[in-house]
Amino acid sequence: MWQVGTWVNRRRDAVYPLDVRLFPVLEDMRLTPRSRIVWTPRHGLHATRRLSGRHESMLCFTKDRDDETFDFRLDAVRAPQLHSGKRHYKGRKKGELRCHELGKNPGDAWDDITPVKANHLERTGHPVQMPLALAERVIHMTTQPGDLILGPFSGACITVVAARMLGRSAAGADLNAKYLGYGE
């Protein structure tokens, strides 16, 4: 899973969606695209000369095209049904529930996870900190307890914290020692 947003070239006043640019690079590395998740937090910075960016994309690729072991663990992240008691009204399934008993598939557009703001309890001081709930959902639906999770751009270490909370092993790294608690 690779989380990307947009890059703004302020000199040209141009906005580049990084997922669009990274997609062919990842495919050239013989990785197979499995899903694209769009997180749409309801709040964020306000742009003054363009539309305010209100989404982040997460790209999910696997190494092997024929990997039959990869499958989203949807039961771990199902959301409440809008009409949970709805039943089939005709045919051979008449009277049976029409929806999954554990809830609905959360889909690939997530707007139910709020961002980490300045006075948020999770706030560590990292400028682009992601919410713990976002990392938890991704880890919960893509890994098993005991798996090793790598956070190569750890920043606020949210991925490592979420992995440990969910019973996974975790390792993280960041070039800026400040965010790992070792520097200024």
Protein backbone atom coordinates (compact mmCIF):
# COMPACT_ATOMS: atom_id res chain seq x y z
CA MET A 1 0.00 0.00 0.00
CA TRP A 2 1.43 3.36 -0.98
CA GLN A 3 -0.23 6.58 0.21
CA VAL A 4 0.15 9.59 -2.08
CA GLY A 5 -1.43 12.99 -2.43
CA THR A 6 -0.69 15.86 -4.76
CA TRP A 7 2.38 17.92 -5.44
CA VAL A 8 1.95 21.65 -5.96
CA ASN A 9 4.56 23.41 -8.09
CA ARG A 10 4.17 26.91 -6.69
CA ARG A 11 6.35 28.56 -9.37
CA ARG A 12 4.06 27.27 -12.13
CA ASP A 13 0.94 27.32 -9.92
CA ALA A 14 0.27 23.76 -11.05
CA VAL A 15 -1.13 20.75 -9.16
CA TYR A 16 0.06 17.22 -9.99
CA PRO A 17 -1.79 14.11 -8.73
CA LEU A 18 1.04 11.83 -7.62
CA ASP A 19 -0.94 8.59 -7.89
CA VAL A 20 -1.41 9.18 -11.62
CA ARG A 21 2.34 9.67 -12.05
CA LEU A 22 3.30 6.72 -9.82
CA PHE A 23 0.91 4.19 -11.35
CA PRO A 24 2.97 3.51 -14.52
CA VAL A 25 6.21 3.46 -12.51
CA LEU A 26 4.85 0.77 -10.19
CA GLU A 27 3.50 -1.23 -13.13
CA ASP A 28 6.92 -1.01 -14.83
CA MET A 29 8.29 -2.65 -11.67
CA ARG A 30 5.97 -5.59 -12.52
CA LEU A 31 3.63 -4.85 -9.63
CA THR A 32 -0.07 -5.59 -10.07
CA PRO A 33 -2.64 -2.94 -9.12
CA ARG A 34 -5.26 -4.37 -6.75
CA SER A 35 -7.11 -1.30 -5.55
CA ARG A 36 -7.07 2.49 -5.27
CA ILE A 37 -8.55 3.96 -2.11
CA VAL A 38 -9.45 7.64 -1.88
CA TRP A 39 -9.60 9.16 1.60
CA THR A 40 -11.65 12.35 1.63
CA PRO A 41 -11.26 14.12 4.97
CA ARG A 42 -13.89 16.78 5.50
CA HIS A 43 -11.42 19.37 6.73
CA GLY A 44 -7.99 20.61 5.65
CA LEU A 45 -5.98 23.57 4.51
CA HIS A 46 -7.80 26.18 2.47
CA ALA A 47 -6.24 27.14 -0.85
CA THR A 48 -6.64 30.73 -1.94
CA ARG A 49 -6.06 30.44 -5.72
CA ARG A 50 -7.38 26.94 -6.54
CA LEU A 51 -9.79 24.33 -5.21
CA SER A 52 -8.76 23.13 -1.76
CA GLY A 53 -7.29 19.63 -1.81
CA ARG A 54 -9.62 17.31 0.09
CA HIS A 55 -8.40 13.84 -0.81
CA GLU A 56 -5.48 11.46 -0.46
CA SER A 57 -5.04 8.36 -2.60
CA MET A 58 -3.71 5.00 -1.49
CA LEU A 59 -2.50 2.59 -4.13
CA CYS A 60 -2.50 -1.12 -3.38
CA PHE A 61 -0.20 -3.26 -5.53
CA THR A 62 1.02 -6.85 -5.18
CA LYS A 63 4.33 -8.27 -6.34
CA ASP A 64 3.00 -11.32 -8.16
CA ARG A 65 0.30 -11.06 -10.84
CA ASP A 66 -0.88 -14.59 -10.07
CA ASP A 67 -0.79 -14.19 -6.30
CA GLU A 68 -3.89 -16.03 -5.13
CA THR A 69 -3.05 -15.40 -1.46
CA PHE A 70 -3.79 -11.68 -1.63
CA ASP A 71 -7.31 -10.85 -0.66
CA PHE A 72 -8.73 -7.95 1.31
CA ARG A 73 -10.00 -9.06 4.71
CA LEU A 74 -13.31 -7.23 4.29
CA ASP A 75 -14.97 -8.83 7.31
CA ALA A 76 -12.43 -7.02 9.50
CA VAL A 77 -13.45 -3.57 8.24
CA ARG A 78 -17.12 -3.77 7.34
CA ALA A 79 -19.24 -0.67 7.99
CA PRO A 80 -22.82 -0.51 9.32
CA GLN A 81 -25.54 -1.11 6.74
CA LEU A 82 -27.83 1.76 5.85
CA HIS A 83 -30.83 -0.60 5.90
CA SER A 84 -29.61 -3.52 8.01
CA GLY A 85 -32.92 -5.37 8.25
CA LYS A 86 -33.77 -5.29 4.55
CA ARG A 87 -34.97 -8.67 3.24
CA HIS A 88 -35.65 -10.19 -0.18
CA TYR A 89 -39.34 -9.77 -0.95
CA LYS A 90 -39.72 -12.35 -3.74
CA GLY A 91 -38.06 -15.32 -5.37
CA ARG A 92 -36.21 -18.24 -3.81
CA LYS A 93 -34.52 -15.98 -1.23
CA LYS A 94 -37.81 -14.39 -0.08
CA GLY A 95 -37.54 -13.43 3.60
CA GLU A 96 -33.74 -13.79 3.76
CA LEU A 97 -31.53 -10.82 4.60
CA ARG A 98 -30.35 -8.91 1.53
CA CYS A 99 -27.20 -7.62 3.16
CA HIS A 100 -24.08 -9.13 4.69
CA GLU A 101 -24.68 -9.90 8.36
CA LEU A 102 -21.41 -8.21 9.42
CA GLY A 103 -22.07 -4.99 7.50
CA LYS A 104 -21.30 -3.51 4.11
CA ASN A 105 -18.05 -3.44 2.20
CA PRO A 106 -16.53 -0.04 3.02
CA GLY A 107 -15.78 0.61 -0.65
CA ASP A 108 -12.85 2.57 -2.03
CA ALA A 109 -13.94 6.11 -1.03
CA TRP A 110 -13.47 6.76 2.69
CA ASP A 111 -14.96 9.90 4.21
CA ASP A 112 -15.61 8.63 7.73
CA ILE A 113 -12.09 9.14 9.14
CA THR A 114 -11.33 12.65 10.33
CA PRO A 115 -7.88 14.22 9.82
CA VAL A 116 -5.46 15.08 12.62
CA LYS A 117 -5.81 18.82 13.29
CA ALA A 118 -3.64 21.16 15.37
CA ASN A 119 -5.35 20.49 18.72
CA HIS A 120 -6.12 16.79 18.06
CA LEU A 121 -5.24 14.30 20.82
CA GLU A 122 -3.09 12.24 18.40
CA ARG A 123 -1.06 15.25 17.24
CA THR A 124 2.71 14.67 17.33
CA GLY A 125 3.89 17.74 15.46
CA HIS A 126 4.59 16.07 12.12
CA PRO A 127 3.36 18.39 9.34
CA VAL A 128 1.46 15.73 7.37
CA GLN A 129 0.40 13.32 10.09
CA MET A 130 -2.24 10.78 9.11
CA PRO A 131 -4.89 9.66 11.63
CA LEU A 132 -4.36 6.43 13.53
CA ALA A 133 -7.80 5.16 12.37
CA LEU A 134 -6.66 5.34 8.73
CA ALA A 135 -3.57 3.20 9.36
CA GLU A 136 -5.58 0.80 11.51
CA ARG A 137 -8.17 0.18 8.78
CA VAL A 138 -5.56 -0.42 6.08
CA ILE A 139 -3.47 -2.74 8.28
CA HIS A 140 -6.52 -4.59 9.58
CA MET A 141 -7.86 -5.35 6.10
CA THR A 142 -4.57 -6.22 4.38
CA THR A 143 -2.60 -8.20 6.98
CA GLN A 144 -2.89 -11.00 9.52
CA PRO A 145 -1.86 -10.88 13.19
CA GLY A 146 1.87 -11.61 13.44
CA ASP A 147 2.68 -10.14 9.99
CA LEU A 148 5.57 -7.67 9.71
CA ILE A 149 4.57 -4.12 8.75
CA LEU A 150 7.20 -1.75 7.36
CA GLY A 151 6.77 2.00 7.56
CA PRO A 152 9.64 3.25 5.33
CA PHE A 153 8.61 6.90 5.73
CA SER A 154 7.51 6.71 9.35
CA GLY A 155 7.19 10.38 10.18
CA ALA A 156 4.88 10.37 13.22
CA CYS A 157 5.17 6.54 13.42
CA ILE A 158 1.40 6.13 13.08
CA THR A 159 1.81 2.99 10.95
CA VAL A 160 4.09 1.39 13.55
CA VAL A 161 1.73 2.29 16.41
CA ALA A 162 -1.33 0.95 14.55
CA ALA A 163 0.49 -2.26 13.63
CA ARG A 164 1.54 -2.91 17.22
CA MET A 165 -2.00 -2.18 18.49
CA LEU A 166 -3.35 -4.78 16.05
CA GLY A 167 -0.87 -7.50 17.02
CA ARG A 168 1.50 -7.12 14.09
CA SER A 169 5.27 -6.73 14.20
CA ALA A 170 6.45 -3.39 12.90
CA ALA A 171 9.57 -1.56 11.78
CA GLY A 172 9.83 2.07 10.77
CA ALA A 173 12.42 4.46 9.38
CA ASP A 174 12.58 8.13 8.52
CA LEU A 175 15.36 10.36 7.21
CA ASN A 176 14.41 13.12 9.65
CA ALA A 177 15.56 12.10 13.14
CA LYS A 178 13.42 14.90 14.60
CA TYR A 179 10.26 12.87 14.03
CA LEU A 180 11.73 9.67 15.47
CA GLY A 181 12.54 11.38 18.77
CA TYR A 182 16.31 11.48 18.26
CA GLY A 183 16.90 14.98 16.93
CA GLU A 184 15.88 18.59 17.29
